[in-house]
C-alpha atoms as a PDB file:
ATOM      1  CA  MET A   1     -25.675   3.089   2.518  1.00  0.00           C
ATOM      2  CA  ALA A   2     -25.349  -0.693   2.179  1.00  0.00           C
ATOM      3  CA  GLN A   3     -22.523  -2.290   4.106  1.00  0.00           C
ATOM      4  CA  THR A   4     -20.324  -4.893   2.477  1.00  0.00           C
ATOM      5  CA  GLU A   5     -18.799  -7.738   4.388  1.00  0.00           C
ATOM      6  CA  THR A   6     -15.146  -7.307   5.217  1.00  0.00           C
ATOM      7  CA  LYS A   7     -12.295  -9.357   6.575  1.00  0.00           C
ATOM      8  CA  VAL A   8      -9.352  -8.060   8.548  1.00  0.00           C
ATOM      9  CA  LEU A   9      -5.953  -8.958   7.120  1.00  0.00           C
ATOM     10  CA  THR A  10      -2.734  -8.437   9.014  1.00  0.00           C
ATOM     11  CA  ALA A  11       0.623  -7.934   7.352  1.00  0.00           C
ATOM     12  CA  HIS A  12       4.029  -6.996   8.650  1.00  0.00           C
ATOM     13  CA  VAL A  13       5.510  -4.262   6.461  1.00  0.00           C
ATOM     14  CA  PRO A  14       8.881  -2.548   6.639  1.00  0.00           C
ATOM     15  CA  LEU A  15       8.855   0.653   8.675  1.00  0.00           C
ATOM     16  CA  LEU A  16       9.757   2.786   5.651  1.00  0.00           C
ATOM     17  CA  LEU A  17       6.747   1.463   3.743  1.00  0.00           C
ATOM     18  CA  ALA A  18       4.467   2.058   6.742  1.00  0.00           C
ATOM     19  CA  GLU A  19       5.744   5.623   6.990  1.00  0.00           C
ATOM     20  CA  LYS A  20       5.051   6.191   3.286  1.00  0.00           C
ATOM     21  CA  ILE A  21       1.525   4.855   3.740  1.00  0.00           C
ATOM     22  CA  ASP A  22       0.994   7.210   6.673  1.00  0.00           C
ATOM     23  CA  GLN A  23       2.332  10.151   4.645  1.00  0.00           C
ATOM     24  CA  ALA A  24       0.045   9.344   1.718  1.00  0.00           C
ATOM     25  CA  ALA A  25      -2.920   9.005   4.070  1.00  0.00           C
ATOM     26  CA  ALA A  26      -2.200  12.389   5.622  1.00  0.00           C
ATOM     27  CA  ARG A  27      -1.640  14.055   2.238  1.00  0.00           C
ATOM     28  CA  LEU A  28      -4.870  12.634   0.802  1.00  0.00           C
ATOM     29  CA  GLU A  29      -6.805  13.058   4.046  1.00  0.00           C
ATOM     30  CA  ARG A  30      -7.752   9.383   3.956  1.00  0.00           C
ATOM     31  CA  SER A  31      -7.305   6.555   6.407  1.00  0.00           C
ATOM     32  CA  ARG A  32      -4.383   4.161   6.350  1.00  0.00           C
ATOM     33  CA  GLY A  33      -6.895   1.395   5.604  1.00  0.00           C
ATOM     34  CA  TRP A  34      -8.217   3.273   2.576  1.00  0.00           C
ATOM     35  CA  ILE A  35      -4.689   3.644   1.185  1.00  0.00           C
ATOM     36  CA  VAL A  36      -3.963  -0.059   1.672  1.00  0.00           C
ATOM     37  CA  LYS A  37      -7.276  -1.081   0.062  1.00  0.00           C
ATOM     38  CA  GLN A  38      -6.559   1.116  -2.966  1.00  0.00           C
ATOM     39  CA  ALA A  39      -3.065  -0.335  -3.317  1.00  0.00           C
ATOM     40  CA  LEU A  40      -4.263  -3.929  -2.986  1.00  0.00           C
ATOM     41  CA  SER A  41      -7.069  -3.376  -5.479  1.00  0.00           C
ATOM     42  CA  ALA A  42      -4.657  -1.894  -8.019  1.00  0.00           C
ATOM     43  CA  TRP A  43      -2.183  -4.742  -7.527  1.00  0.00           C
ATOM     44  CA  ILE A  44      -4.865  -7.413  -7.870  1.00  0.00           C
ATOM     45  CA  ASP A  45      -6.161  -5.756 -11.063  1.00  0.00           C
ATOM     46  CA  GLN A  46      -2.620  -5.649 -12.466  1.00  0.00           C
ATOM     47  CA  GLU A  47      -1.943  -9.301 -11.620  1.00  0.00           C
ATOM     48  CA  GLU A  48      -5.264 -10.420 -13.113  1.00  0.00           C
ATOM     49  CA  GLU A  49      -4.457  -8.548 -16.332  1.00  0.00           C
ATOM     50  CA  ARG A  50      -0.940 -10.030 -16.417  1.00  0.00           C
ATOM     51  CA  SER A  51      -2.415 -13.512 -15.979  1.00  0.00           C
ATOM     52  CA  ARG A  52      -4.996 -12.906 -18.728  1.00  0.00           C
ATOM     53  CA  MET A  53      -2.318 -11.690 -21.131  1.00  0.00           C
ATOM     54  CA  THR A  54      -0.082 -14.683 -20.335  1.00  0.00           C
ATOM     55  CA  ARG A  55      -2.923 -17.118 -21.026  1.00  0.00           C
ATOM     56  CA  GLU A  56      -3.679 -15.273 -24.268  1.00  0.00           C
ATOM     57  CA  ALA A  57      -0.014 -15.434 -25.336  1.00  0.00           C
ATOM     58  CA  LEU A  58       0.208 -19.146 -24.517  1.00  0.00           C
ATOM     59  CA  ALA A  59      -2.936 -19.769 -26.569  1.00  0.00           C
ATOM     60  CA  ASP A  60      -1.256 -17.961 -29.484  1.00  0.00           C
ATOM     61  CA  VAL A  61       1.797 -20.211 -29.131  1.00  0.00           C
ATOM     62  CA  ASP A  62      -0.404 -23.308 -28.950  1.00  0.00           C
ATOM     63  CA  GLY A  63      -2.217 -22.081 -32.066  1.00  0.00           C
ATOM     64  CA  GLY A  64       1.036 -21.539 -33.949  1.00  0.00           C
ATOM     65  CA  ARG A  65       0.582 -17.766 -34.056  1.00  0.00           C
ATOM     66  CA  VAL A  66       4.231 -16.895 -33.464  1.00  0.00           C
ATOM     67  CA  ILE A  67       6.961 -14.895 -35.180  1.00  0.00           C
ATOM     68  CA  ASP A  68      10.256 -16.609 -35.965  1.00  0.00           C
ATOM     69  CA  HIS A  69      13.216 -15.268 -33.960  1.00  0.00           C
ATOM     70  CA  GLN A  70      15.248 -14.539 -37.103  1.00  0.00           C
ATOM     71  CA  VAL A  71      12.391 -12.424 -38.456  1.00  0.00           C
ATOM     72  CA  VAL A  72      12.329 -10.399 -35.242  1.00  0.00           C
ATOM     73  CA  GLN A  73      16.094  -9.865 -35.398  1.00  0.00           C
ATOM     74  CA  ALA A  74      15.919  -8.728 -39.024  1.00  0.00           C
END
């Protein structure tokens, strides 16, 4: 199996969140690190999609592809 390069990140998290991570790790029989990697990957994917959609919406505004507020209200 090929190894990928990694980097250790350190973060202080509230105790309740750390306990929830530990509970999820135990329930899924995975490591705490695996849980954190999954969560970070999902968050990054979500933020990248949000950014893409924002840029797309701004391009629509710049291109005049908008709906008048009164039309929306009606």
